[in-house]
PDB file of N, CA and C in Angstrom:
ATOM      1  N   MET A   1      18.748  27.366  -0.228  1.00  0.00           N
ATOM      2  CA  MET A   1      19.058  26.660   0.268  1.00  0.00           C
ATOM      3  C   MET A   1      18.876  26.039   1.696  1.00  0.00           C
ATOM      4  N   ALA A   2      17.817  26.449   2.764  1.00  0.00           N
ATOM      5  CA  ALA A   2      17.249  25.463   3.578  1.00  0.00           C
ATOM      6  C   ALA A   2      16.329  24.511   3.252  1.00  0.00           C
ATOM      7  N   LEU A   3      15.850  24.532   1.936  1.00  0.00           N
ATOM      8  CA  LEU A   3      15.230  23.686   1.897  1.00  0.00           C
ATOM      9  C   LEU A   3      15.466  22.587   0.741  1.00  0.00           C
ATOM     10  N   ILE A   4      17.028  23.273   0.027  1.00  0.00           N
ATOM     11  CA  ILE A   4      17.153  21.783  -0.433  1.00  0.00           C
ATOM     12  C   ILE A   4      17.859  20.742  -0.062  1.00  0.00           C
ATOM     13  N   ASP A   5      18.505  20.771   0.885  1.00  0.00           N
ATOM     14  CA  ASP A   5      18.752  19.963   1.675  1.00  0.00           C
ATOM     15  C   ASP A   5      17.827  18.513   2.308  1.00  0.00           C
ATOM     16  N   PRO A   6      17.110  19.238   2.581  1.00  0.00           N
ATOM     17  CA  PRO A   6      15.865  18.571   3.509  1.00  0.00           C
ATOM     18  C   PRO A   6      14.947  17.453   2.095  1.00  0.00           C
ATOM     19  N   LEU A   7      14.427  18.594   1.313  1.00  0.00           N
ATOM     20  CA  LEU A   7      14.110  17.574  -0.451  1.00  0.00           C
ATOM     21  C   LEU A   7      15.077  16.915  -0.764  1.00  0.00           C
ATOM     22  N   ASN A   8      16.351  17.018  -0.241  1.00  0.00           N
ATOM     23  CA  ASN A   8      17.304  15.578  -1.257  1.00  0.00           C
ATOM     24  C   ASN A   8      17.489  14.995  -0.298  1.00  0.00           C
ATOM     25  N   ARG A   9      16.966  15.185   1.149  1.00  0.00           N
ATOM     26  CA  ARG A   9      17.333  13.808   2.098  1.00  0.00           C
ATOM     27  C   ARG A   9      16.148  12.853   1.685  1.00  0.00           C
ATOM     28  N   ALA A  10      14.903  13.905   1.865  1.00  0.00           N
ATOM     29  CA  ALA A  10      13.840  13.253   1.698  1.00  0.00           C
ATOM     30  C   ALA A  10      13.815  12.164   0.134  1.00  0.00           C
ATOM     31  N   LYS A  11      13.765  12.917  -1.262  1.00  0.00           N
ATOM     32  CA  LYS A  11      14.624  11.937  -1.891  1.00  0.00           C
ATOM     33  C   LYS A  11      15.474  10.813  -2.354  1.00  0.00           C
ATOM     34  N   GLU A  12      16.073  11.023  -1.487  1.00  0.00           N
ATOM     35  CA  GLU A  12      17.274   9.911  -1.336  1.00  0.00           C
ATOM     36  C   GLU A  12      16.692   7.943  -0.300  1.00  0.00           C
ATOM     37  N   GLU A  13      15.703   9.141   0.942  1.00  0.00           N
ATOM     38  CA  GLU A  13      14.512   7.867   1.589  1.00  0.00           C
ATOM     39  C   GLU A  13      13.744   7.538   0.875  1.00  0.00           C
ATOM     40  N   CYS A  14      13.204   8.089   0.067  1.00  0.00           N
ATOM     41  CA  CYS A  14      11.754   7.426  -0.943  1.00  0.00           C
ATOM     42  C   CYS A  14      12.586   6.563  -2.019  1.00  0.00           C
ATOM     43  N   ASP A  15      13.584   7.357  -2.425  1.00  0.00           N
ATOM     44  CA  ASP A  15      14.615   6.194  -3.535  1.00  0.00           C
ATOM     45  C   ASP A  15      14.933   4.720  -2.799  1.00  0.00           C
ATOM     46  N   ALA A  16      15.187   4.633  -1.698  1.00  0.00           N
ATOM     47  CA  ALA A  16      15.745   3.510  -0.832  1.00  0.00           C
ATOM     48  C   ALA A  16      14.575   2.362  -0.496  1.00  0.00           C
ATOM     49  N   ALA A  17      13.381   3.909  -0.127  1.00  0.00           N
ATOM     50  CA  ALA A  17      12.504   2.592  -0.160  1.00  0.00           C
ATOM     51  C   ALA A  17      11.890   1.940  -1.023  1.00  0.00           C
ATOM     52  N   GLU A  18      11.767   2.412  -2.215  1.00  0.00           N
ATOM     53  CA  GLU A  18      11.304   2.468  -2.901  1.00  0.00           C
ATOM     54  C   GLU A  18      12.363   0.897  -3.557  1.00  0.00           C
ATOM     55  N   GLU A  19      13.789   0.685  -3.450  1.00  0.00           N
ATOM     56  CA  GLU A  19      14.326  -0.477  -3.441  1.00  0.00           C
ATOM     57  C   GLU A  19      14.296  -1.091  -3.024  1.00  0.00           C
ATOM     58  N   GLU A  20      13.518  -0.735  -1.765  1.00  0.00           N
ATOM     59  CA  GLU A  20      13.684  -2.284  -0.958  1.00  0.00           C
ATOM     60  C   GLU A  20      11.786  -2.697  -1.413  1.00  0.00           C
ATOM     61  N   LEU A  21      11.396  -1.773  -1.485  1.00  0.00           N
ATOM     62  CA  LEU A  21       9.846  -2.462  -1.775  1.00  0.00           C
ATOM     63  C   LEU A  21      10.255  -3.292  -2.956  1.00  0.00           C
ATOM     64  N   ALA A  22      10.799  -3.453  -4.102  1.00  0.00           N
ATOM     65  CA  ALA A  22      11.119  -3.720  -4.698  1.00  0.00           C
ATOM     66  C   ALA A  22      11.748  -5.297  -4.623  1.00  0.00           C
ATOM     67  N   ARG A  23      12.752  -5.320  -3.649  1.00  0.00           N
ATOM     68  CA  ARG A  23      13.400  -6.310  -3.263  1.00  0.00           C
ATOM     69  C   ARG A  23      12.727  -7.333  -2.504  1.00  0.00           C
ATOM     70  N   THR A  24      11.281  -6.698  -1.827  1.00  0.00           N
ATOM     71  CA  THR A  24      10.473  -7.651  -1.167  1.00  0.00           C
ATOM     72  C   THR A  24       9.478  -8.486  -2.185  1.00  0.00           C
ATOM     73  N   PRO A  25       9.378  -9.810  -1.691  1.00  0.00           N
ATOM     74  CA  PRO A  25       8.248 -10.419  -2.504  1.00  0.00           C
ATOM     75  C   PRO A  25       7.073 -10.379  -1.625  1.00  0.00           C
ATOM     76  N   SER A  26       6.346 -10.596  -2.827  1.00  0.00           N
ATOM     77  CA  SER A  26       5.140 -10.430  -2.286  1.00  0.00           C
ATOM     78  C   SER A  26       4.460 -11.545  -2.030  1.00  0.00           C
ATOM     79  N   ARG A  27       3.786 -10.965  -0.637  1.00  0.00           N
ATOM     80  CA  ARG A  27       3.268 -12.888   0.215  1.00  0.00           C
ATOM     81  C   ARG A  27       2.329 -13.903  -0.561  1.00  0.00           C
ATOM     82  N   THR A  28       1.362 -13.104  -1.006  1.00  0.00           N
ATOM     83  CA  THR A  28       0.881 -13.803  -2.061  1.00  0.00           C
ATOM     84  C   THR A  28       0.826 -13.190  -3.748  1.00  0.00           C
ATOM     85  N   PRO A  29       0.919 -14.317  -4.391  1.00  0.00           N
ATOM     86  CA  PRO A  29       0.788 -13.402  -5.778  1.00  0.00           C
ATOM     87  C   PRO A  29      -0.421 -13.066  -5.924  1.00  0.00           C
ATOM     88  N   VAL A  30      -0.761 -12.136  -7.093  1.00  0.00           N
ATOM     89  CA  VAL A  30      -1.810 -11.577  -7.129  1.00  0.00           C
ATOM     90  C   VAL A  30      -2.819 -11.911  -8.138  1.00  0.00           C
ATOM     91  N   GLY A  31      -2.243 -13.589  -9.166  1.00  0.00           N
ATOM     92  CA  GLY A  31      -2.298 -14.359 -10.397  1.00  0.00           C
ATOM     93  C   GLY A  31      -3.244 -15.057  -9.172  1.00  0.00           C
ATOM     94  N   LYS A  32      -3.252 -15.590  -7.622  1.00  0.00           N
ATOM     95  CA  LYS A  32      -3.733 -16.354  -7.829  1.00  0.00           C
ATOM     96  C   LYS A  32      -5.541 -15.911  -6.996  1.00  0.00           C
ATOM     97  N   TYR A  33      -5.529 -14.806  -7.183  1.00  0.00           N
ATOM     98  CA  TYR A  33      -7.023 -14.290  -6.723  1.00  0.00           C
ATOM     99  C   TYR A  33      -7.840 -14.368  -8.104  1.00  0.00           C
ATOM    100  N   PHE A  34      -6.943 -14.562  -9.492  1.00  0.00           N
ATOM    101  CA  PHE A  34      -8.306 -14.748 -10.293  1.00  0.00           C
ATOM    102  C   PHE A  34      -9.320 -15.515 -10.437  1.00  0.00           C
ATOM    103  N   ASN A  35      -9.189 -16.462  -9.570  1.00  0.00           N
ATOM    104  CA  ASN A  35     -10.191 -17.907  -9.832  1.00  0.00           C
ATOM    105  C   ASN A  35     -10.167 -17.954  -8.090  1.00  0.00           C
ATOM    106  N   ALA A  36     -10.067 -17.073  -7.673  1.00  0.00           N
ATOM    107  CA  ALA A  36     -10.782 -17.008  -5.703  1.00  0.00           C
ATOM    108  C   ALA A  36     -11.891 -16.818  -5.788  1.00  0.00           C
ATOM    109  N   SER A  37     -12.312 -18.098  -4.409  1.00  0.00           N
ATOM    110  CA  SER A  37     -13.906 -17.888  -4.465  1.00  0.00           C
ATOM    111  C   SER A  37     -14.312 -16.596  -3.860  1.00  0.00           C
ATOM    112  N   PRO A  38     -15.461 -16.374  -3.964  1.00  0.00           N
ATOM    113  CA  PRO A  38     -16.130 -14.705  -3.693  1.00  0.00           C
ATOM    114  C   PRO A  38     -15.787 -14.925  -1.795  1.00  0.00           C
ATOM    115  N   ALA A  39     -15.819 -16.071  -1.153  1.00  0.00           N
ATOM    116  CA  ALA A  39     -15.280 -15.644   0.363  1.00  0.00           C
ATOM    117  C   ALA A  39     -13.908 -15.510   0.868  1.00  0.00           C
ATOM    118  N   ARG A  40     -13.119 -16.117  -0.649  1.00  0.00           N
ATOM    119  CA  ARG A  40     -11.949 -15.663  -0.209  1.00  0.00           C
ATOM    120  C   ARG A  40     -11.120 -14.438  -0.563  1.00  0.00           C
ATOM    121  N   LEU A  41     -11.398 -13.471  -1.866  1.00  0.00           N
ATOM    122  CA  LEU A  41     -12.410 -12.271  -2.074  1.00  0.00           C
ATOM    123  C   LEU A  41     -12.474 -11.168  -1.189  1.00  0.00           C
ATOM    124  N   GLN A  42     -13.829 -11.881  -0.553  1.00  0.00           N
ATOM    125  CA  GLN A  42     -14.227 -11.171   1.130  1.00  0.00           C
ATOM    126  C   GLN A  42     -12.720 -10.637   2.027  1.00  0.00           C
ATOM    127  N   GLU A  43     -12.123 -12.072   2.797  1.00  0.00           N
ATOM    128  CA  GLU A  43     -11.300 -11.987   3.096  1.00  0.00           C
ATOM    129  C   GLU A  43     -10.188 -11.260   2.848  1.00  0.00           C
ATOM    130  N   LEU A  44      -9.592 -11.316   1.353  1.00  0.00           N
ATOM    131  CA  LEU A  44      -8.773 -10.486   1.150  1.00  0.00           C
ATOM    132  C   LEU A  44      -8.896  -8.763   1.213  1.00  0.00           C
ATOM    133  N   TYR A  45     -10.288  -8.058   0.589  1.00  0.00           N
ATOM    134  CA  TYR A  45     -10.825  -6.569   0.597  1.00  0.00           C
ATOM    135  C   TYR A  45     -10.329  -6.825   2.149  1.00  0.00           C
ATOM    136  N   GLU A  46     -11.169  -7.234   3.394  1.00  0.00           N
ATOM    137  CA  GLU A  46     -11.131  -7.335   4.582  1.00  0.00           C
ATOM    138  C   GLU A  46      -9.923  -6.939   4.358  1.00  0.00           C
ATOM    139  N   GLU A  47      -8.762  -7.642   4.247  1.00  0.00           N
ATOM    140  CA  GLU A  47      -7.208  -7.535   4.724  1.00  0.00           C
ATOM    141  C   GLU A  47      -6.340  -6.021   4.524  1.00  0.00           C
ATOM    142  N   VAL A  48      -7.230  -5.697   3.559  1.00  0.00           N
ATOM    143  CA  VAL A  48      -6.810  -4.479   2.688  1.00  0.00           C
ATOM    144  C   VAL A  48      -7.571  -2.955   3.552  1.00  0.00           C
ATOM    145  N   GLY A  49      -8.646  -3.208   4.103  1.00  0.00           N
ATOM    146  CA  GLY A  49      -9.224  -2.896   4.155  1.00  0.00           C
ATOM    147  C   GLY A  49      -9.962  -1.843   3.073  1.00  0.00           C
ATOM    148  N   LEU A  50     -10.298  -2.293   1.612  1.00  0.00           N
ATOM    149  CA  LEU A  50     -10.629  -2.338   0.437  1.00  0.00           C
ATOM    150  C   LEU A  50     -12.556  -1.858   0.957  1.00  0.00           C
ATOM    151  N   GLU A  51     -12.806  -0.434   0.799  1.00  0.00           N
ATOM    152  CA  GLU A  51     -14.385   0.178   0.177  1.00  0.00           C
ATOM    153  C   GLU A  51     -14.969   0.226  -0.911  1.00  0.00           C
ATOM    154  N   MET A  52     -16.052  -0.057  -1.501  1.00  0.00           N
ATOM    155  CA  MET A  52     -16.230   0.410  -2.492  1.00  0.00           C
ATOM    156  C   MET A  52     -18.051   0.796  -2.664  1.00  0.00           C
ATOM    157  N   ALA A  53     -17.819   2.217  -2.996  1.00  0.00           N
ATOM    158  CA  ALA A  53     -19.033   2.943  -3.206  1.00  0.00           C
ATOM    159  C   ALA A  53     -19.638   3.007  -4.461  1.00  0.00           C
ATOM    160  N   TYR A  54     -20.823   2.745  -4.890  1.00  0.00           N
ATOM    161  CA  TYR A  54     -20.704   2.904  -6.425  1.00  0.00           C
ATOM    162  C   TYR A  54     -21.801   3.915  -6.100  1.00  0.00           C
ATOM    163  N   ASN A  55     -21.878   4.764  -7.692  1.00  0.00           N
ATOM    164  CA  ASN A  55     -22.365   6.122  -7.449  1.00  0.00           C
ATOM    165  C   ASN A  55     -23.377   6.332  -8.817  1.00  0.00           C
ATOM    166  N   ALA A  56     -24.724   5.507  -8.896  1.00  0.00           N
ATOM    167  CA  ALA A  56     -25.297   4.729 -10.231  1.00  0.00           C
ATOM    168  C   ALA A  56     -25.640   6.599 -10.552  1.00  0.00           C
ATOM    169  N   LYS A  57     -25.958   7.286 -10.366  1.00  0.00           N
ATOM    170  CA  LYS A  57     -26.419   8.152 -10.896  1.00  0.00           C
ATOM    171  C   LYS A  57     -24.926   8.944 -11.999  1.00  0.00           C
ATOM    172  N   GLU A  58     -23.838   8.434 -11.498  1.00  0.00           N
ATOM    173  CA  GLU A  58     -22.401   9.497 -12.173  1.00  0.00           C
ATOM    174  C   GLU A  58     -22.501   7.545 -12.427  1.00  0.00           C
ATOM    175  N   ARG A  59     -22.267   7.027 -12.608  1.00  0.00           N
ATOM    176  CA  ARG A  59     -21.951   5.555 -13.208  1.00  0.00           C
ATOM    177  C   ARG A  59     -20.348   5.561 -12.665  1.00  0.00           C
ATOM    178  N   MET A  60     -20.597   5.877 -11.515  1.00  0.00           N
ATOM    179  CA  MET A  60     -18.288   6.083 -10.800  1.00  0.00           C
ATOM    180  C   MET A  60     -18.724   4.382  -9.099  1.00  0.00           C
ATOM    181  N   VAL A  61     -17.958   4.282  -8.848  1.00  0.00           N
ATOM    182  CA  VAL A  61     -16.732   4.031  -8.484  1.00  0.00           C
ATOM    183  C   VAL A  61     -15.841   4.566  -6.908  1.00  0.00           C
ATOM    184  N   ASP A  62     -16.188   4.717  -5.966  1.00  0.00           N
ATOM    185  CA  ASP A  62     -14.912   5.646  -4.971  1.00  0.00           C
ATOM    186  C   ASP A  62     -14.695   4.196  -4.201  1.00  0.00           C
ATOM    187  N   VAL A  63     -13.082   4.413  -4.321  1.00  0.00           N
ATOM    188  CA  VAL A  63     -13.053   3.316  -3.245  1.00  0.00           C
ATOM    189  C   VAL A  63     -12.017   4.185  -2.710  1.00  0.00           C
ATOM    190  N   THR A  64     -11.595   3.476  -1.423  1.00  0.00           N
ATOM    191  CA  THR A  64     -10.866   3.196  -0.543  1.00  0.00           C
ATOM    192  C   THR A  64     -10.254   2.287   0.072  1.00  0.00           C
ATOM    193  N   ILE A  65      -8.853   2.136   0.516  1.00  0.00           N
ATOM    194  CA  ILE A  65      -8.090   1.382   1.126  1.00  0.00           C
ATOM    195  C   ILE A  65      -7.507   1.566   1.671  1.00  0.00           C
ATOM    196  N   ARG A  66      -7.713   1.110   3.027  1.00  0.00           N
ATOM    197  CA  ARG A  66      -7.632   1.659   4.881  1.00  0.00           C
ATOM    198  C   ARG A  66      -6.953   0.397   5.317  1.00  0.00           C
ATOM    199  N   PRO A  67      -5.379   0.041   4.607  1.00  0.00           N
ATOM    200  CA  PRO A  67      -4.904  -1.137   5.422  1.00  0.00           C
ATOM    201  C   PRO A  67      -4.351  -1.003   6.793  1.00  0.00           C
ATOM    202  N   PRO A  68      -4.349  -2.148   7.423  1.00  0.00           N
ATOM    203  CA  PRO A  68      -4.310  -1.965   9.048  1.00  0.00           C
ATOM    204  C   PRO A  68      -2.844  -1.347   9.770  1.00  0.00           C
ATOM    205  N   ARG A  69      -2.633  -0.232  10.757  1.00  0.00           N
ATOM    206  CA  ARG A  69      -1.476   0.503  11.090  1.00  0.00           C
ATOM    207  C   ARG A  69      -0.822  -1.536  11.754  1.00  0.00           C
ATOM    208  N   ARG A  70       0.475  -1.184  10.991  1.00  0.00           N
ATOM    209  CA  ARG A  70       1.407  -1.436  11.850  1.00  0.00           C
ATOM    210  C   ARG A  70       2.825  -0.747  12.320  1.00  0.00           C
ATOM    211  N   VAL A  71       3.883  -1.070  12.900  1.00  0.00           N
ATOM    212  CA  VAL A  71       4.909  -0.405  13.282  1.00  0.00           C
ATOM    213  C   VAL A  71       5.782  -1.481  12.473  1.00  0.00           C
ATOM    214  N   SER A  72       6.401  -0.841  11.485  1.00  0.00           N
ATOM    215  CA  SER A  72       7.840  -1.010  11.143  1.00  0.00           C
ATOM    216  C   SER A  72       8.886  -0.328  10.975  1.00  0.00           C
ATOM    217  N   ALA A  73       9.997  -1.180  10.185  1.00  0.00           N
ATOM    218  CA  ALA A  73      11.191  -0.690  10.532  1.00  0.00           C
ATOM    219  C   ALA A  73      11.330   0.190   8.841  1.00  0.00           C
ATOM    220  N   CYS A  74      11.750   1.076   8.805  1.00  0.00           N
ATOM    221  CA  CYS A  74      11.797   2.222   8.258  1.00  0.00           C
ATOM    222  C   CYS A  74      13.789   1.967   7.741  1.00  0.00           C
ATOM    223  N   VAL A  75      14.030   2.499   6.496  1.00  0.00           N
ATOM    224  CA  VAL A  75      15.256   2.078   5.768  1.00  0.00           C
ATOM    225  C   VAL A  75      16.981   2.087   6.553  1.00  0.00           C
ATOM    226  N   ARG A  76      16.632   3.398   8.035  1.00  0.00           N
ATOM    227  CA  ARG A  76      17.290   3.334   8.937  1.00  0.00           C
ATOM    228  C   ARG A  76      17.088   1.717   9.757  1.00  0.00           C
ATOM    229  N   GLY A  77      16.775   1.548   9.730  1.00  0.00           N
ATOM    230  CA  GLY A  77      16.402   1.064  11.022  1.00  0.00           C
ATOM    231  C   GLY A  77      14.855   1.832  12.088  1.00  0.00           C
ATOM    232  N   ARG A  78      15.050   2.965  12.583  1.00  0.00           N
ATOM    233  CA  ARG A  78      14.326   2.877  13.157  1.00  0.00           C
ATOM    234  C   ARG A  78      13.026   3.528  13.244  1.00  0.00           C
ATOM    235  N   PRO A  79      12.253   2.974  14.475  1.00  0.00           N
ATOM    236  CA  PRO A  79      10.495   2.321  14.079  1.00  0.00           C
ATOM    237  C   PRO A  79       9.708   2.927  13.589  1.00  0.00           C
ATOM    238  N   SER A  80       9.060   3.364  12.742  1.00  0.00           N
ATOM    239  CA  SER A  80       8.170   4.542  12.198  1.00  0.00           C
ATOM    240  C   SER A  80       6.928   3.756  12.518  1.00  0.00           C
ATOM    241  N   HIS A  81       6.045   4.648  12.053  1.00  0.00           N
ATOM    242  CA  HIS A  81       4.515   4.711  12.722  1.00  0.00           C
ATOM    243  C   HIS A  81       3.365   5.119  11.474  1.00  0.00           C
TER     244      HIS A  81
END
């Protein structure tokens, strides 16, 4: 029983966050980047902290995204970090 209540609360918070995200309009539609210049794509990649490393031997790409840290309000209005 001790784990059920925290798990249920976490699930509720996750569901609420997903609903909020679904209602949040995108700042820039992804479609605008299909024909973007290399300079604009580089700017976008820097904004989201995108790093890609190609391993030619394994023919694999390691992709990392490190978005900038921002203080935002959580679903209940308390600051989260």
